[in-house]
């Protein structure tokens, strides 16, 4: 027991001892005959930023609703700062969350809505105004503090939504697709805010189906498909392990011959080579990325190079192979 205490962390708000920010064990949630989350195990450590990645319909929102106490699990458990999520009020004391797309009162200003939220979370007196200033600075909205929210763009409204979650200065942030539906500018702004919120004693669990969000913001990733975990790993380690595997797509002007394919498969460093159609092929390097050598081989066979492109990122390749193309039409 003593050793366990030395390895534990202490919640800076309530003083309770806990070993992880979020612990999910055997979590299952069913709706009638449909199982949205199926026996999921997941751990978010203190100070860790984790991306919950998966296609629409994978069970991400359902899982976050169980963790935040909005839904009761069919079986299994979820703990936040060591508190069972079934004890919703206590579990959420040190959590700021945005689930799906909540709306702000359009006639309120950012100052007014944050004052209201702050008072609900027990912040009063001079500390309330100071906290409102801090939070609006964090989400880059201080300039618009006294303007009606109804006149804001969708990206600005989303930043005010994030600000509401930040008001109690939480240890843990849980966001459900915070950049969904934003234009490219709004997407980048929110992503930069998420990166700016990081500090050593704050944890983040963010669900998304956007790969860049995970690779740029998160330390780790858990990929789910049809309610089940198919991968959980450190982002840097995942990319490092796959760094030697680079796949290129090549299109040529003349018809690809069997002789060329035979030479390509025997090319040093090529682990896989497939003809995708009469004028295209894909080649995967397991060692050195010798694209110049492939170009030379195309010239030798007089195929006439038309284009050469590297396939998506390593994270993208892993994601697509693990989630499957058939999931694209699933319903959330």
Protein backbone atom coordinates (compact mmCIF):
# COMPACT_ATOMS: atom_id res chain seq x y z
CA UNK A 1 0.00 0.00 0.00
CA UNK A 2 2.81 2.42 0.89
CA UNK A 3 4.53 1.84 -2.46
CA UNK A 4 1.24 2.50 -4.21
CA UNK A 5 0.93 5.87 -2.47
CA UNK A 6 4.42 6.90 -3.56
CA UNK A 7 3.48 6.17 -7.19
CA UNK A 8 0.15 8.00 -6.97
CA UNK A 9 -0.72 11.60 -7.76
CA UNK A 10 -2.74 13.94 -5.58
CA UNK A 11 -5.63 15.98 -6.95
CA UNK A 12 -4.63 19.61 -6.46
CA UNK A 13 -8.25 20.63 -5.73
CA UNK A 14 -9.64 17.96 -3.42
CA UNK A 15 -6.46 16.34 -2.09
CA UNK A 16 -7.61 12.83 -3.01
CA UNK A 17 -4.98 10.29 -4.08
CA UNK A 18 -5.31 8.79 -7.54
CA UNK A 19 -3.01 6.99 -9.94
CA UNK A 20 -4.50 8.08 -13.29
CA UNK A 21 -6.67 10.87 -14.61
CA UNK A 22 -9.14 8.49 -16.27
CA UNK A 23 -9.48 4.72 -15.90
CA UNK A 24 -11.93 2.77 -18.06
CA UNK A 25 -12.26 -0.98 -17.48
CA UNK A 26 -14.47 -3.40 -19.39
CA UNK A 27 -16.81 -0.55 -20.30
CA UNK A 28 -19.90 -1.60 -22.25
CA UNK A 29 -22.92 0.46 -23.22
CA UNK A 30 -25.87 -1.07 -25.06
CA UNK A 31 -29.10 0.43 -26.35
CA UNK A 32 -31.59 -2.40 -26.71
CA UNK A 33 -29.98 -4.89 -29.06
CA UNK A 34 -27.27 -2.44 -30.23
CA UNK A 35 -23.91 -2.29 -28.43
CA UNK A 36 -22.31 1.13 -28.96
CA UNK A 37 -19.30 0.54 -26.65
CA UNK A 38 -18.05 -3.00 -26.22
CA UNK A 39 -15.70 -4.02 -23.36
CA UNK A 40 -13.38 -1.01 -23.68
CA UNK A 41 -10.25 -0.63 -21.53
CA UNK A 42 -8.42 2.71 -21.58
CA UNK A 43 -6.17 4.73 -19.29
CA UNK A 44 -5.33 8.44 -19.47
CA UNK A 45 -2.40 9.25 -17.22
CA UNK A 46 -2.02 12.49 -15.29
CA UNK A 47 -0.62 15.18 -17.60
CA UNK A 48 -1.33 13.13 -20.73
CA UNK A 49 -3.14 14.39 -23.83
CA UNK A 50 -4.97 11.46 -25.41
CA UNK A 51 -6.86 11.43 -28.70
CA UNK A 52 -9.87 9.12 -28.96
CA UNK A 53 -9.85 8.48 -32.68
CA UNK A 54 -12.40 6.71 -34.83
CA UNK A 55 -14.88 7.12 -37.69
CA UNK A 56 -18.41 8.41 -37.18
CA UNK A 57 -20.40 5.72 -35.42
CA UNK A 58 -17.39 4.18 -33.68
CA UNK A 59 -18.80 4.92 -30.20
CA UNK A 60 -16.67 7.93 -29.24
CA UNK A 61 -19.48 10.20 -28.06
CA UNK A 62 -21.23 7.38 -26.20
CA UNK A 63 -18.01 6.55 -24.39
CA UNK A 64 -17.46 10.18 -23.34
CA UNK A 65 -21.05 10.45 -22.15
CA UNK A 66 -20.52 7.45 -19.88
CA UNK A 67 -17.24 8.85 -18.54
CA UNK A 68 -18.87 12.21 -17.77
CA UNK A 69 -21.92 10.62 -16.15
CA UNK A 70 -24.43 11.59 -18.83
CA UNK A 71 -25.12 7.88 -19.45
CA UNK A 72 -24.90 4.90 -17.12
CA UNK A 73 -22.76 1.96 -18.28
CA UNK A 74 -24.41 -1.34 -19.07
CA UNK A 75 -21.38 -3.04 -17.51
CA UNK A 76 -17.80 -2.22 -16.61
CA UNK A 77 -16.55 0.93 -14.92
CA UNK A 78 -15.11 4.39 -15.51
CA UNK A 79 -13.18 6.38 -12.90
CA UNK A 80 -12.10 10.03 -13.03
CA UNK A 81 -9.39 11.04 -10.54
CA UNK A 82 -10.14 7.78 -8.76
CA UNK A 83 -13.87 8.56 -8.40
CA UNK A 84 -16.46 6.23 -9.92
CA UNK A 85 -18.35 8.13 -12.62
CA UNK A 86 -21.59 6.78 -11.18
CA UNK A 87 -20.99 9.37 -8.44
CA UNK A 88 -21.41 12.04 -11.09
CA UNK A 89 -21.22 15.15 -8.92
CA UNK A 90 -17.96 14.21 -7.18
CA UNK A 91 -16.33 12.75 -10.32
CA UNK A 92 -16.93 15.98 -12.29
CA UNK A 93 -15.59 18.34 -9.59
CA UNK A 94 -12.19 18.61 -11.30
CA UNK A 95 -13.36 18.15 -14.92
CA UNK A 96 -14.18 20.63 -17.66
CA UNK A 97 -16.01 19.09 -20.59
CA UNK A 98 -17.73 19.89 -23.86
CA UNK A 99 -19.87 17.05 -25.19
CA UNK A 100 -21.15 17.26 -28.77
CA UNK A 101 -22.12 20.85 -29.73
CA UNK A 102 -23.76 22.84 -26.93
CA UNK A 103 -25.26 26.23 -27.77
CA UNK A 104 -24.58 29.49 -25.95
CA UNK A 105 -27.35 31.99 -25.12
CA UNK A 106 -27.14 34.35 -28.14
CA UNK A 107 -28.04 37.51 -26.19
CA UNK A 108 -25.37 36.94 -23.53
CA UNK A 109 -21.89 38.37 -23.85
CA UNK A 110 -18.84 36.21 -23.09
CA UNK A 111 -18.43 38.06 -19.78
CA UNK A 112 -22.03 37.38 -18.80
CA UNK A 113 -22.06 33.67 -19.71
CA UNK A 114 -18.74 33.06 -17.95
CA UNK A 115 -19.92 34.95 -14.88
CA UNK A 116 -22.97 32.70 -14.78
CA UNK A 117 -20.90 29.53 -15.22
CA UNK A 118 -18.34 30.69 -12.67
CA UNK A 119 -20.97 31.24 -10.01
CA UNK A 120 -22.44 27.80 -10.71
CA UNK A 121 -18.97 26.37 -10.05
CA UNK A 122 -18.57 28.30 -6.79
CA UNK A 123 -16.36 31.17 -8.00
CA UNK A 124 -17.38 34.50 -6.44
CA UNK A 125 -16.05 37.91 -5.48
CA UNK A 126 -12.97 39.53 -7.07
CA UNK A 127 -11.70 36.12 -8.08
CA UNK A 128 -14.56 35.71 -10.54
CA UNK A 129 -13.62 38.70 -12.70
CA UNK A 130 -9.96 37.72 -12.59
CA UNK A 131 -10.78 34.19 -13.71
CA UNK A 132 -12.98 35.46 -16.55
CA UNK A 133 -10.06 37.56 -17.82
CA UNK A 134 -7.66 34.61 -17.60
CA UNK A 135 -10.00 32.27 -19.48
CA UNK A 136 -10.89 34.74 -22.23
CA UNK A 137 -7.19 35.38 -22.75
CA UNK A 138 -6.60 31.61 -23.00
CA UNK A 139 -9.20 31.24 -25.76
CA UNK A 140 -8.21 34.56 -27.40
CA UNK A 141 -11.61 36.19 -26.93
CA UNK A 142 -10.93 39.05 -24.49
CA UNK A 143 -11.35 41.61 -27.26
CA UNK A 144 -14.96 40.47 -27.78
CA UNK A 145 -15.86 40.12 -24.10
CA UNK A 146 -18.82 42.54 -24.19
CA UNK A 147 -20.35 41.66 -27.56
CA UNK A 148 -23.45 39.42 -27.96
CA UNK A 149 -22.48 35.81 -28.64
CA UNK A 150 -25.24 35.51 -31.25
CA UNK A 151 -23.19 37.72 -33.60
CA UNK A 152 -20.10 35.51 -33.42
CA UNK A 153 -18.85 33.11 -36.06
CA UNK A 154 -19.07 29.38 -35.35
CA UNK A 155 -15.38 29.26 -34.48
CA UNK A 156 -15.75 32.13 -31.99
CA UNK A 157 -18.77 30.45 -30.40
CA UNK A 158 -16.76 27.26 -30.05
CA UNK A 159 -14.02 29.16 -28.25
CA UNK A 160 -16.59 30.53 -25.78
CA UNK A 161 -17.81 26.96 -25.25
CA UNK A 162 -14.24 25.91 -24.42
CA UNK A 163 -13.96 28.90 -22.10
CA UNK A 164 -16.97 27.68 -20.09
CA UNK A 165 -15.25 24.32 -19.61
CA UNK A 166 -12.09 26.10 -18.43
CA UNK A 167 -13.76 28.35 -15.83
CA UNK A 168 -13.22 26.06 -12.79
CA UNK A 169 -9.53 25.59 -13.77
CA UNK A 170 -9.99 21.82 -14.12
CA UNK A 171 -7.38 19.09 -13.79
CA UNK A 172 -9.00 17.16 -16.64
CA UNK A 173 -10.48 18.35 -19.93
CA UNK A 174 -12.85 16.16 -21.96
CA UNK A 175 -13.80 17.48 -25.40
CA UNK A 176 -16.02 15.76 -27.96
CA UNK A 177 -14.88 16.73 -31.48
CA UNK A 178 -14.18 20.39 -30.61
CA UNK A 179 -13.28 21.33 -34.21
CA UNK A 180 -16.28 19.64 -35.87
CA UNK A 181 -17.93 21.81 -38.51
CA UNK A 182 -15.36 24.61 -38.34
CA UNK A 183 -13.83 26.21 -41.41
CA UNK A 184 -10.04 25.83 -41.88
CA UNK A 185 -9.29 29.07 -40.02
CA UNK A 186 -11.51 28.17 -37.06
CA UNK A 187 -10.10 24.66 -37.00
CA UNK A 188 -6.52 25.92 -36.75
CA UNK A 189 -7.46 28.48 -34.07
CA UNK A 190 -9.13 25.89 -31.82
CA UNK A 191 -6.29 23.43 -32.36
CA UNK A 192 -3.74 26.06 -31.31
CA UNK A 193 -5.80 26.81 -28.20
CA UNK A 194 -5.79 23.12 -27.26
CA UNK A 195 -2.01 23.03 -27.58
CA UNK A 196 -1.72 26.20 -25.52
CA UNK A 197 -3.77 24.71 -22.67
CA UNK A 198 -1.19 22.02 -22.02
CA UNK A 199 0.67 22.01 -18.74
CA UNK A 200 2.24 19.33 -16.58
CA UNK A 201 -0.70 18.79 -14.23
CA UNK A 202 -3.56 18.88 -16.76
CA UNK A 203 -4.90 15.92 -18.72
CA UNK A 204 -6.96 15.92 -21.91
CA UNK A 205 -9.19 13.34 -23.56
CA UNK A 206 -10.41 14.58 -26.93
CA UNK A 207 -12.50 12.60 -29.38
CA UNK A 208 -12.03 13.27 -33.06
CA UNK A 209 -11.97 11.69 -36.50
CA UNK A 210 -9.31 14.15 -37.66
CA UNK A 211 -5.82 12.70 -37.85
CA UNK A 212 -3.99 16.04 -37.75
CA UNK A 213 -5.69 16.88 -34.49
CA UNK A 214 -4.19 13.80 -32.85
CA UNK A 215 -0.71 14.06 -34.36
CA UNK A 216 -0.37 17.79 -33.55
CA UNK A 217 -2.07 17.98 -30.14
CA UNK A 218 -1.94 14.57 -28.45
CA UNK A 219 0.73 12.46 -26.74
CA UNK A 220 -1.16 9.21 -27.19
CA UNK A 221 -3.98 7.78 -29.27
CA UNK A 222 -6.68 5.19 -28.74
CA UNK A 223 -8.40 4.10 -31.94
CA UNK A 224 -11.85 2.54 -31.68
CA UNK A 225 -13.87 0.79 -34.35
CA UNK A 226 -17.48 -0.27 -33.87
CA UNK A 227 -17.24 0.22 -30.13
CA UNK A 228 -14.00 -1.70 -29.60
CA UNK A 229 -10.40 -0.61 -29.10
CA UNK A 230 -8.21 -1.65 -32.03
CA UNK A 231 -5.06 0.30 -31.06
CA UNK A 232 -3.75 2.24 -28.07
CA UNK A 233 -0.26 3.69 -28.28
CA UNK A 234 2.04 6.65 -27.78
CA UNK A 235 1.88 8.83 -30.91
CA UNK A 236 5.65 9.38 -31.15
CA UNK A 237 6.41 5.68 -30.64
CA UNK A 238 3.81 4.71 -33.23
CA UNK A 239 5.29 7.05 -35.83
CA UNK A 240 8.86 6.03 -34.93
CA UNK A 241 8.08 2.33 -35.33
CA UNK A 242 6.60 2.92 -38.73
CA UNK A 243 9.15 5.48 -39.89
CA UNK A 244 10.93 2.97 -42.13
CA UNK A 245 7.76 1.99 -43.99
CA UNK A 246 7.08 4.49 -46.76
CA UNK A 247 4.66 3.72 -49.59
CA UNK A 248 4.67 5.58 -52.90
CA UNK A 249 2.07 5.60 -55.67
CA UNK A 250 3.52 5.87 -59.16
CA UNK A 251 1.72 6.50 -62.44
CA UNK A 252 3.44 5.96 -65.79
CA UNK A 253 2.48 6.82 -69.38
CA UNK A 254 2.96 3.38 -70.94
CA UNK A 255 1.49 0.02 -69.94
CA UNK A 256 3.27 -1.67 -67.02
CA UNK A 257 4.88 -4.95 -68.05
CA UNK A 258 5.33 -8.12 -65.99
CA UNK A 259 9.08 -7.79 -66.49
CA UNK A 260 9.01 -4.39 -64.78
CA UNK A 261 6.98 -5.76 -61.86
CA UNK A 262 9.44 -8.64 -61.45
CA UNK A 263 12.37 -6.20 -61.33
CA UNK A 264 10.47 -3.92 -58.94
CA UNK A 265 9.76 -6.74 -56.47
CA UNK A 266 13.47 -7.64 -56.51
CA UNK A 267 14.51 -4.02 -55.95
CA UNK A 268 16.63 -3.62 -52.80
CA UNK A 269 14.59 -2.16 -49.92
CA UNK A 270 11.16 -2.91 -51.42
CA UNK A 271 8.99 -5.00 -49.09
CA UNK A 272 5.84 -4.92 -51.19
CA UNK A 273 4.95 -3.97 -54.78
CA UNK A 274 1.53 -4.14 -56.40
CA UNK A 275 0.19 -3.08 -59.80
CA UNK A 276 -2.97 -1.06 -59.12
CA UNK A 277 -4.01 -0.66 -62.78
CA UNK A 278 -2.48 -0.71 -66.25
CA UNK A 279 -0.55 2.51 -65.68
CA UNK A 280 -0.07 2.61 -61.90
CA UNK A 281 1.70 0.73 -59.12
CA UNK A 282 2.38 1.06 -55.40
CA UNK A 283 5.73 0.27 -53.77
CA UNK A 284 6.58 0.09 -50.06
CA UNK A 285 10.11 0.65 -48.76
CA UNK A 286 11.07 -1.26 -45.62
CA UNK A 287 14.54 0.29 -45.48
CA UNK A 288 16.00 3.27 -47.32
CA UNK A 289 13.53 5.38 -49.27
CA UNK A 290 15.23 5.07 -52.69
CA UNK A 291 12.77 6.91 -54.91
CA UNK A 292 15.54 7.91 -57.31
CA UNK A 293 16.24 4.24 -57.90
CA UNK A 294 12.57 3.59 -58.70
CA UNK A 295 12.56 6.51 -61.16
CA UNK A 296 15.65 5.06 -62.83
CA UNK A 297 13.99 1.64 -63.06
CA UNK A 298 10.95 3.23 -64.75
CA UNK A 299 13.29 4.89 -67.26
CA UNK A 300 15.09 1.62 -67.96
CA UNK A 301 11.78 -0.04 -68.87
CA UNK A 302 10.77 3.01 -70.93
CA UNK A 303 7.47 3.40 -69.13
CA UNK A 304 7.54 7.21 -69.01
CA UNK A 305 7.09 8.63 -65.49
CA UNK A 306 3.88 10.67 -65.08
CA UNK A 307 3.64 11.16 -61.29
CA UNK A 308 5.10 9.90 -58.02
CA UNK A 309 3.41 10.60 -54.69
CA UNK A 310 3.89 9.39 -51.15
CA UNK A 311 0.79 7.96 -49.53
CA UNK A 312 -0.76 9.49 -46.38
CA UNK A 313 1.03 9.82 -43.07
CA UNK A 314 1.95 6.74 -41.04
CA UNK A 315 -0.82 7.57 -38.59
CA UNK A 316 -3.28 7.84 -41.47
CA UNK A 317 -2.15 4.49 -42.86
CA UNK A 318 -2.60 2.83 -39.46
CA UNK A 319 -5.97 4.47 -38.95
CA UNK A 320 -7.38 3.39 -42.32
CA UNK A 321 -6.11 -0.15 -41.99
CA UNK A 322 -7.54 -0.52 -38.47
CA UNK A 323 -10.93 1.14 -38.95
CA UNK A 324 -11.83 -0.19 -42.39
CA UNK A 325 -13.47 1.53 -45.34
CA UNK A 326 -16.90 0.07 -44.56
CA UNK A 327 -17.24 2.22 -41.42
CA UNK A 328 -17.59 5.46 -43.36
CA UNK A 329 -21.39 5.24 -43.50
CA UNK A 330 -21.95 4.24 -39.87
CA UNK A 331 -24.30 6.38 -37.80
CA UNK A 332 -23.01 7.94 -34.57
